[in-house]
Amino acid sequence: MRSKKSLPPEQVTLPWHPPGLVAGVDEAGRGPLAGPVVAAAVILDDLNPIAGLADSKTLTTARREALYDEIRAKALCCAIAEASVEEIDTVNILQATMLAMQRAVQGLRLKPARVLVDGNRLPVLEMPADAIVKGDALVQAISAASILAKVTRDRWCAQLHLEYPQYGFAGHKGYGTAEHMAALQQHGACPHHRRSFSPVAAALVREQGLATHAVQITTAVPAAEAVVPRALVQGEWQSA
């Protein structure tokens, strides 16, 4: 018999919520080296339950896609927002994540009385909120938000792969896998890479070094060959 610690987490109902609508919030894309960080906010309908909600990372791609459509169809309301690569590089990934979460909550058609956020940090919101560690496995509304955020970002990566197939975004989703690091070494950074992340910054330094070296070679070549045009201008080869 498995120990209790090895059992999967159960969805829980948190008893301290005040009356009113509750929104779950989660993000996808904090760790990758490229692309926006995506956040979602979801208010579920207690009268229209959705079976199988769980942490998006534990679900198959096909199951996430199916639940994505079901959540969009059955939730009272939901919103998906992002913070761009430029914002990530300007304010750092943590603050950009908080910004994306704030935008997701603000994008809800209905105003929640309380917001439950996955993790241990909270964005600035106008209503009461709680941070719940592993909330994506414990609270259904957060599970739903995690699914919306991950599917949205994975779809973005699939589209980026069509534009930059040499990086393999469809497979690694922007994370710093061996394949991705090798592509950065070979091709340098694309416009969607996060310049503030150290592997990308290192790739940019290498690119700059190669470019500088190429300029030095280019400017040196005419000086080395300057004798030849003088002889040709006179219309014949001259001996030294």
C-alpha atoms as a PDB file:
ATOM      1  CA  MET A   1       0.000   0.000   0.000  1.00  0.00           C
ATOM      2  CA  ARG A   2       1.372   3.433  -0.930  1.00  0.00           C
ATOM      3  CA  SER A   3       2.167   5.832   1.855  1.00  0.00           C
ATOM      4  CA  LYS A   4      -0.038   8.869   2.278  1.00  0.00           C
ATOM      5  CA  LYS A   5       2.825  11.108   1.139  1.00  0.00           C
ATOM      6  CA  SER A   6       2.888   9.425  -2.272  1.00  0.00           C
ATOM      7  CA  LEU A   7      -0.805   9.965  -2.963  1.00  0.00           C
ATOM      8  CA  PRO A   8      -1.701  12.734  -5.437  1.00  0.00           C
ATOM      9  CA  PRO A   9      -2.939  15.978  -3.866  1.00  0.00           C
ATOM     10  CA  GLU A  10      -6.677  16.357  -3.536  1.00  0.00           C
ATOM     11  CA  GLN A  11      -8.585  19.437  -4.581  1.00  0.00           C
ATOM     12  CA  VAL A  12      -9.643  21.347  -1.480  1.00  0.00           C
ATOM     13  CA  THR A  13     -12.291  23.872  -0.593  1.00  0.00           C
ATOM     14  CA  LEU A  14     -10.799  26.749   1.362  1.00  0.00           C
ATOM     15  CA  PRO A  15     -13.130  27.651   4.248  1.00  0.00           C
ATOM     16  CA  TRP A  16     -12.087  31.247   4.845  1.00  0.00           C
ATOM     17  CA  HIS A  17     -13.474  32.809   1.668  1.00  0.00           C
ATOM     18  CA  PRO A  18     -15.934  35.668   2.173  1.00  0.00           C
ATOM     19  CA  PRO A  19     -19.198  35.527   0.226  1.00  0.00           C
ATOM     20  CA  GLY A  20     -18.816  36.367  -3.435  1.00  0.00           C
ATOM     21  CA  LEU A  21     -16.961  35.223  -6.505  1.00  0.00           C
ATOM     22  CA  VAL A  22     -13.491  33.698  -6.192  1.00  0.00           C
ATOM     23  CA  ALA A  23     -10.913  33.887  -8.970  1.00  0.00           C
ATOM     24  CA  GLY A  24      -7.950  31.563  -9.349  1.00  0.00           C
ATOM     25  CA  VAL A  25      -4.750  32.915 -10.906  1.00  0.00           C
ATOM     26  CA  ASP A  26      -1.637  31.200 -12.247  1.00  0.00           C
ATOM     27  CA  GLU A  27       1.130  31.822 -14.758  1.00  0.00           C
ATOM     28  CA  ALA A  28       3.199  29.967 -17.333  1.00  0.00           C
ATOM     29  CA  GLY A  29       6.599  30.862 -18.688  1.00  0.00           C
ATOM     30  CA  ARG A  30       8.672  32.267 -15.843  1.00  0.00           C
ATOM     31  CA  GLY A  31      11.623  29.968 -16.491  1.00  0.00           C
ATOM     32  CA  PRO A  32      12.047  29.919 -20.286  1.00  0.00           C
ATOM     33  CA  LEU A  33      14.710  31.926 -22.100  1.00  0.00           C
ATOM     34  CA  ALA A  34      12.298  33.372 -24.650  1.00  0.00           C
ATOM     35  CA  GLY A  35       8.817  34.772 -25.067  1.00  0.00           C
ATOM     36  CA  PRO A  36       6.285  36.484 -22.820  1.00  0.00           C
ATOM     37  CA  VAL A  37       5.178  35.287 -19.410  1.00  0.00           C
ATOM     38  CA  VAL A  38       1.476  34.407 -19.575  1.00  0.00           C
ATOM     39  CA  ALA A  39      -1.063  34.583 -16.738  1.00  0.00           C
ATOM     40  CA  ALA A  40      -4.703  33.544 -16.529  1.00  0.00           C
ATOM     41  CA  ALA A  41      -7.526  34.298 -14.105  1.00  0.00           C
ATOM     42  CA  VAL A  42     -10.611  32.073 -13.867  1.00  0.00           C
ATOM     43  CA  ILE A  43     -13.903  32.267 -11.975  1.00  0.00           C
ATOM     44  CA  LEU A  44     -15.537  28.849 -12.106  1.00  0.00           C
ATOM     45  CA  ASP A  45     -19.270  28.160 -12.084  1.00  0.00           C
ATOM     46  CA  ASP A  46     -20.215  25.947  -9.132  1.00  0.00           C
ATOM     47  CA  LEU A  47     -23.349  24.889 -11.015  1.00  0.00           C
ATOM     48  CA  ASN A  48     -21.356  23.794 -14.055  1.00  0.00           C
ATOM     49  CA  PRO A  49     -18.431  21.751 -12.704  1.00  0.00           C
ATOM     50  CA  ILE A  50     -15.434  20.622 -14.740  1.00  0.00           C
ATOM     51  CA  ALA A  51     -14.055  17.143 -14.052  1.00  0.00           C
ATOM     52  CA  GLY A  52     -10.338  16.428 -14.073  1.00  0.00           C
ATOM     53  CA  LEU A  53      -8.925  19.839 -13.199  1.00  0.00           C
ATOM     54  CA  ALA A  54      -5.339  19.512 -11.953  1.00  0.00           C
ATOM     55  CA  ASP A  55      -1.931  21.144 -12.112  1.00  0.00           C
ATOM     56  CA  SER A  56      -1.362  21.650 -15.854  1.00  0.00           C
ATOM     57  CA  LYS A  57       2.151  20.175 -15.622  1.00  0.00           C
ATOM     58  CA  THR A  58       0.705  16.794 -14.612  1.00  0.00           C
ATOM     59  CA  LEU A  59      -1.636  16.564 -17.611  1.00  0.00           C
ATOM     60  CA  THR A  60      -0.947  15.347 -21.126  1.00  0.00           C
ATOM     61  CA  THR A  61      -0.980  17.839 -23.970  1.00  0.00           C
ATOM     62  CA  ALA A  62      -4.220  16.369 -25.334  1.00  0.00           C
ATOM     63  CA  ARG A  63      -5.912  16.539 -21.925  1.00  0.00           C
ATOM     64  CA  ARG A  64      -4.819  20.145 -21.397  1.00  0.00           C
ATOM     65  CA  GLU A  65      -6.176  21.129 -24.798  1.00  0.00           C
ATOM     66  CA  ALA A  66      -9.524  19.465 -24.058  1.00  0.00           C
ATOM     67  CA  LEU A  67      -9.775  21.104 -20.639  1.00  0.00           C
ATOM     68  CA  TYR A  68      -8.813  24.463 -22.136  1.00  0.00           C
ATOM     69  CA  ASP A  69     -11.894  24.366 -24.351  1.00  0.00           C
ATOM     70  CA  GLU A  70     -14.104  23.144 -21.499  1.00  0.00           C
ATOM     71  CA  ILE A  71     -12.911  25.863 -19.137  1.00  0.00           C
ATOM     72  CA  ARG A  72     -13.548  28.549 -21.741  1.00  0.00           C
ATOM     73  CA  ALA A  73     -17.037  27.146 -22.296  1.00  0.00           C
ATOM     74  CA  LYS A  74     -18.101  26.522 -18.691  1.00  0.00           C
ATOM     75  CA  ALA A  75     -16.374  29.116 -16.490  1.00  0.00           C
ATOM     76  CA  LEU A  76     -18.352  32.142 -15.392  1.00  0.00           C
ATOM     77  CA  CYS A  77     -15.539  34.204 -16.855  1.00  0.00           C
ATOM     78  CA  CYS A  78     -11.836  34.011 -17.556  1.00  0.00           C
ATOM     79  CA  ALA A  79      -9.069  36.254 -18.835  1.00  0.00           C
ATOM     80  CA  ILE A  80      -5.589  35.640 -20.220  1.00  0.00           C
ATOM     81  CA  ALA A  81      -2.860  38.291 -20.190  1.00  0.00           C
ATOM     82  CA  GLU A  82       0.894  38.532 -20.622  1.00  0.00           C
ATOM     83  CA  ALA A  83       3.963  40.623 -19.986  1.00  0.00           C
ATOM     84  CA  SER A  84       6.238  41.032 -22.981  1.00  0.00           C
ATOM     85  CA  VAL A  85       9.900  40.154 -23.415  1.00  0.00           C
ATOM     86  CA  GLU A  86      10.696  43.877 -23.316  1.00  0.00           C
ATOM     87  CA  GLU A  87       8.888  44.231 -19.989  1.00  0.00           C
ATOM     88  CA  ILE A  88      10.665  41.167 -18.600  1.00  0.00           C
ATOM     89  CA  ASP A  89      14.049  42.625 -19.558  1.00  0.00           C
ATOM     90  CA  THR A  90      13.118  46.016 -18.107  1.00  0.00           C
ATOM     91  CA  VAL A  91      11.563  45.174 -14.732  1.00  0.00           C
ATOM     92  CA  ASN A  92      12.803  41.532 -14.230  1.00  0.00           C
ATOM     93  CA  ILE A  93      10.852  38.296 -14.556  1.00  0.00           C
ATOM     94  CA  LEU A  94       9.263  38.368 -11.085  1.00  0.00           C
ATOM     95  CA  GLN A  95       7.787  41.843 -11.505  1.00  0.00           C
ATOM     96  CA  ALA A  96       6.711  41.017 -15.071  1.00  0.00           C
ATOM     97  CA  THR A  97       4.909  37.928 -13.754  1.00  0.00           C
ATOM     98  CA  MET A  98       3.084  40.034 -11.174  1.00  0.00           C
ATOM     99  CA  LEU A  99       2.158  42.479 -13.930  1.00  0.00           C
ATOM    100  CA  ALA A 100       0.722  39.698 -16.122  1.00  0.00           C
ATOM    101  CA  MET A 101      -1.305  38.355 -13.189  1.00  0.00           C
ATOM    102  CA  GLN A 102      -2.623  41.830 -12.388  1.00  0.00           C
ATOM    103  CA  ARG A 103      -3.686  42.282 -16.013  1.00  0.00           C
ATOM    104  CA  ALA A 104      -5.446  38.909 -16.038  1.00  0.00           C
ATOM    105  CA  VAL A 105      -7.511  39.783 -12.952  1.00  0.00           C
ATOM    106  CA  GLN A 106      -8.317  43.206 -14.366  1.00  0.00           C
ATOM    107  CA  GLY A 107      -9.460  41.544 -17.572  1.00  0.00           C
ATOM    108  CA  LEU A 108     -12.187  39.499 -15.886  1.00  0.00           C
ATOM    109  CA  ARG A 109     -15.710  40.420 -16.977  1.00  0.00           C
ATOM    110  CA  LEU A 110     -16.930  39.884 -13.397  1.00  0.00           C
ATOM    111  CA  LYS A 111     -15.176  41.360 -10.390  1.00  0.00           C
ATOM    112  CA  PRO A 112     -14.164  38.706  -7.833  1.00  0.00           C
ATOM    113  CA  ALA A 113     -14.573  39.233  -4.110  1.00  0.00           C
ATOM    114  CA  ARG A 114     -11.313  37.369  -3.509  1.00  0.00           C
ATOM    115  CA  VAL A 115      -8.374  36.155  -5.577  1.00  0.00           C
ATOM    116  CA  LEU A 116      -6.332  33.004  -4.957  1.00  0.00           C
ATOM    117  CA  VAL A 117      -2.877  33.020  -6.542  1.00  0.00           C
ATOM    118  CA  ASP A 118      -0.544  30.084  -7.043  1.00  0.00           C
ATOM    119  CA  GLY A 119       2.814  30.469  -5.302  1.00  0.00           C
ATOM    120  CA  ASN A 120       4.087  32.600  -2.456  1.00  0.00           C
ATOM    121  CA  ARG A 121       3.818  36.128  -3.884  1.00  0.00           C
ATOM    122  CA  LEU A 122       0.891  38.354  -4.766  1.00  0.00           C
ATOM    123  CA  PRO A 123       0.411  41.005  -7.449  1.00  0.00           C
ATOM    124  CA  VAL A 124      -1.010  44.376  -6.476  1.00  0.00           C
ATOM    125  CA  LEU A 125      -4.799  43.985  -6.591  1.00  0.00           C
ATOM    126  CA  GLU A 126      -7.766  46.040  -5.452  1.00  0.00           C
ATOM    127  CA  MET A 127      -9.471  43.102  -3.745  1.00  0.00           C
ATOM    128  CA  PRO A 128      -8.328  40.681  -0.985  1.00  0.00           C
ATOM    129  CA  ALA A 129      -6.012  37.930  -2.173  1.00  0.00           C
ATOM    130  CA  ASP A 130      -4.165  34.900  -0.839  1.00  0.00           C
ATOM    131  CA  ALA A 131      -0.988  33.238  -2.141  1.00  0.00           C
ATOM    132  CA  ILE A 132      -1.224  29.456  -1.989  1.00  0.00           C
ATOM    133  CA  VAL A 133       1.882  27.317  -2.466  1.00  0.00           C
ATOM    134  CA  LYS A 134       1.100  24.454  -4.872  1.00  0.00           C
ATOM    135  CA  GLY A 135      -2.310  26.027  -5.347  1.00  0.00           C
ATOM    136  CA  ASP A 136      -2.440  24.703  -8.921  1.00  0.00           C
ATOM    137  CA  ALA A 137      -2.796  21.214  -7.441  1.00  0.00           C
ATOM    138  CA  LEU A 138      -5.068  22.169  -4.554  1.00  0.00           C
ATOM    139  CA  VAL A 139      -7.618  24.722  -5.769  1.00  0.00           C
ATOM    140  CA  GLN A 140      -9.741  24.080  -8.845  1.00  0.00           C
ATOM    141  CA  ALA A 141      -9.899  27.687  -9.983  1.00  0.00           C
ATOM    142  CA  ILE A 142      -6.098  27.919  -9.867  1.00  0.00           C
ATOM    143  CA  SER A 143      -5.823  24.587 -11.702  1.00  0.00           C
ATOM    144  CA  ALA A 144      -8.070  25.993 -14.413  1.00  0.00           C
ATOM    145  CA  ALA A 145      -5.934  29.141 -14.639  1.00  0.00           C
ATOM    146  CA  SER A 146      -2.750  27.087 -14.899  1.00  0.00           C
ATOM    147  CA  ILE A 147      -4.229  25.141 -17.822  1.00  0.00           C
ATOM    148  CA  LEU A 148      -5.298  28.276 -19.700  1.00  0.00           C
ATOM    149  CA  ALA A 149      -1.911  29.923 -19.177  1.00  0.00           C
ATOM    150  CA  LYS A 150       0.141  26.896 -20.206  1.00  0.00           C
ATOM    151  CA  VAL A 151      -1.896  26.052 -23.303  1.00  0.00           C
ATOM    152  CA  THR A 152      -1.755  29.687 -24.419  1.00  0.00           C
ATOM    153  CA  ARG A 153       2.013  29.870 -24.038  1.00  0.00           C
ATOM    154  CA  ASP A 154       2.588  26.452 -25.621  1.00  0.00           C
ATOM    155  CA  ARG A 155       0.566  27.590 -28.638  1.00  0.00           C
ATOM    156  CA  TRP A 156       2.701  30.725 -28.821  1.00  0.00           C
ATOM    157  CA  CYS A 157       5.834  28.564 -28.846  1.00  0.00           C
ATOM    158  CA  ALA A 158       4.413  26.418 -31.647  1.00  0.00           C
ATOM    159  CA  GLN A 159       3.841  29.551 -33.723  1.00  0.00           C
ATOM    160  CA  LEU A 160       7.339  30.839 -32.967  1.00  0.00           C
ATOM    161  CA  HIS A 161       8.758  27.511 -34.120  1.00  0.00           C
ATOM    162  CA  LEU A 162       7.342  28.172 -37.590  1.00  0.00           C
ATOM    163  CA  GLU A 163       9.266  31.450 -37.737  1.00  0.00           C
ATOM    164  CA  TYR A 164      12.487  30.213 -36.124  1.00  0.00           C
ATOM    165  CA  PRO A 165      12.600  26.407 -36.592  1.00  0.00           C
ATOM    166  CA  GLN A 166      16.350  26.298 -35.935  1.00  0.00           C
ATOM    167  CA  TYR A 167      15.764  26.823 -32.200  1.00  0.00           C
ATOM    168  CA  GLY A 168      13.265  23.981 -31.630  1.00  0.00           C
ATOM    169  CA  PHE A 169      10.703  26.030 -29.687  1.00  0.00           C
ATOM    170  CA  ALA A 170       7.906  23.533 -30.401  1.00  0.00           C
ATOM    171  CA  GLY A 171       9.777  20.925 -28.373  1.00  0.00           C
ATOM    172  CA  HIS A 172      11.455  22.675 -25.440  1.00  0.00           C
ATOM    173  CA  LYS A 173       8.943  25.569 -25.193  1.00  0.00           C
ATOM    174  CA  GLY A 174      11.747  28.028 -24.619  1.00  0.00           C
ATOM    175  CA  TYR A 175      13.336  26.312 -21.617  1.00  0.00           C
ATOM    176  CA  GLY A 176      17.111  26.044 -21.420  1.00  0.00           C
ATOM    177  CA  THR A 177      17.439  22.461 -22.613  1.00  0.00           C
ATOM    178  CA  ALA A 178      20.631  21.110 -24.164  1.00  0.00           C
ATOM    179  CA  GLU A 179      19.021  21.470 -27.599  1.00  0.00           C
ATOM    180  CA  HIS A 180      18.120  25.099 -26.959  1.00  0.00           C
ATOM    181  CA  MET A 181      21.544  25.966 -25.553  1.00  0.00           C
ATOM    182  CA  ALA A 182      23.222  24.386 -28.593  1.00  0.00           C
ATOM    183  CA  ALA A 183      20.979  26.424 -30.901  1.00  0.00           C
ATOM    184  CA  LEU A 184      21.926  29.610 -29.047  1.00  0.00           C
ATOM    185  CA  GLN A 185      25.596  28.723 -29.498  1.00  0.00           C
ATOM    186  CA  GLN A 186      25.136  28.123 -33.214  1.00  0.00           C
ATOM    187  CA  HIS A 187      22.609  30.779 -34.222  1.00  0.00           C
ATOM    188  CA  GLY A 188      22.814  33.415 -31.514  1.00  0.00           C
ATOM    189  CA  ALA A 189      19.670  35.011 -30.050  1.00  0.00           C
ATOM    190  CA  CYS A 190      16.482  35.761 -31.964  1.00  0.00           C
ATOM    191  CA  PRO A 191      14.357  38.883 -31.291  1.00  0.00           C
ATOM    192  CA  HIS A 192      12.103  36.935 -28.902  1.00  0.00           C
ATOM    193  CA  HIS A 193      14.877  35.840 -26.537  1.00  0.00           C
ATOM    194  CA  ARG A 194      15.034  37.465 -23.099  1.00  0.00           C
ATOM    195  CA  ARG A 195      18.206  39.560 -23.111  1.00  0.00           C
ATOM    196  CA  SER A 196      18.300  39.766 -19.302  1.00  0.00           C
ATOM    197  CA  PHE A 197      18.636  35.975 -18.916  1.00  0.00           C
ATOM    198  CA  SER A 198      22.283  34.943 -18.581  1.00  0.00           C
ATOM    199  CA  PRO A 199      22.453  32.249 -21.348  1.00  0.00           C
ATOM    200  CA  VAL A 200      20.976  34.735 -23.830  1.00  0.00           C
ATOM    201  CA  ALA A 201      23.263  37.527 -22.614  1.00  0.00           C
ATOM    202  CA  ALA A 202      26.241  35.210 -23.096  1.00  0.00           C
ATOM    203  CA  ALA A 203      25.095  34.396 -26.636  1.00  0.00           C
ATOM    204  CA  LEU A 204      24.835  38.106 -27.411  1.00  0.00           C
ATOM    205  CA  VAL A 205      28.361  38.691 -26.125  1.00  0.00           C
ATOM    206  CA  ARG A 206      29.626  35.926 -28.427  1.00  0.00           C
ATOM    207  CA  GLU A 207      27.732  37.470 -31.354  1.00  0.00           C
ATOM    208  CA  GLN A 208      29.234  40.876 -30.627  1.00  0.00           C
ATOM    209  CA  GLY A 209      32.714  39.374 -30.363  1.00  0.00           C
ATOM    210  CA  LEU A 210      32.346  37.592 -33.704  1.00  0.00           C
ATOM    211  CA  ALA A 211      30.974  40.725 -35.349  1.00  0.00           C
ATOM    212  CA  THR A 212      33.884  42.819 -34.042  1.00  0.00           C
ATOM    213  CA  HIS A 213      36.370  40.221 -35.261  1.00  0.00           C
ATOM    214  CA  ALA A 214      34.733  40.186 -38.708  1.00  0.00           C
ATOM    215  CA  VAL A 215      34.940  43.995 -38.937  1.00  0.00           C
ATOM    216  CA  GLN A 216      38.639  43.899 -38.036  1.00  0.00           C
ATOM    217  CA  ILE A 217      39.316  41.349 -40.774  1.00  0.00           C
ATOM    218  CA  THR A 218      37.297  43.306 -43.353  1.00  0.00           C
ATOM    219  CA  THR A 219      39.100  46.579 -42.662  1.00  0.00           C
ATOM    220  CA  ALA A 220      42.507  44.864 -42.749  1.00  0.00           C
ATOM    221  CA  VAL A 221      42.076  43.237 -46.178  1.00  0.00           C
ATOM    222  CA  PRO A 222      42.131  46.410 -48.386  1.00  0.00           C
ATOM    223  CA  ALA A 223      45.374  47.598 -46.757  1.00  0.00           C
ATOM    224  CA  ALA A 224      47.063  44.300 -47.519  1.00  0.00           C
ATOM    225  CA  GLU A 225      45.976  44.439 -51.164  1.00  0.00           C
ATOM    226  CA  ALA A 226      46.561  48.156 -51.731  1.00  0.00           C
ATOM    227  CA  VAL A 227      49.644  47.560 -53.936  1.00  0.00           C
ATOM    228  CA  VAL A 228      47.705  45.596 -56.577  1.00  0.00           C
ATOM    229  CA  PRO A 229      45.283  48.332 -57.712  1.00  0.00           C
ATOM    230  CA  ARG A 230      48.188  50.787 -58.251  1.00  0.00           C
ATOM    231  CA  ALA A 231      49.853  48.437 -60.710  1.00  0.00           C
ATOM    232  CA  LEU A 232      46.580  47.734 -62.523  1.00  0.00           C
ATOM    233  CA  VAL A 233      45.749  51.433 -62.909  1.00  0.00           C
ATOM    234  CA  GLN A 234      48.845  51.784 -65.070  1.00  0.00           C
ATOM    235  CA  GLY A 235      47.480  49.017 -67.307  1.00  0.00           C
ATOM    236  CA  GLU A 236      50.321  46.517 -66.754  1.00  0.00           C
ATOM    237  CA  TRP A 237      52.065  44.493 -64.115  1.00  0.00           C
ATOM    238  CA  GLN A 238      55.280  46.080 -62.919  1.00  0.00           C
ATOM    239  CA  SER A 239      58.164  44.313 -61.276  1.00  0.00           C
ATOM    240  CA  ALA A 240      59.339  45.457 -57.910  1.00  0.00           C
END
